[in-house]
């Protein structure tokens, strides 16, 4: 049997498992399109219901709120066992502002602790319209 034949099949994760997986981490990658080219940004986040919430400073991420669709990806990889999972949420970015004070107050209570410097005073959420995931359980 060749190494390719011994590889396990990829398991498609249901939406509830995807959301539970998203909730297990605090660092993911935000993908937006800038001038026709995808760009990825690592961000600290918290899953709030079905939305991914993060803090940011003025700049590229904040500039793209409301402009186009975005994606957010989190994964967990065990290289030694050749196993892991990956979840992608796609939707739209919204800035939480005083215009929706209840949502902003709720976000401010979330345990988001940005690792990068800066004040990160703007609260943004990716409103997930679709969540998909895959898992590989390792070589047999």
Foldseek 3Di string as FASTA:
>chain_A
DDPVVQFDDKDKDDPVVLLVVQQPDQWKWKWDADPNRIDIDIFGWHCDPPKTKGFDDDDDVVVCAPPDKMKIKDKDADVVQRKIKMKMFIAGKDKDDVVCVVVVVVSVPDPTDTPDDDDRPIMMMGRGPDMIMIIGPGGD
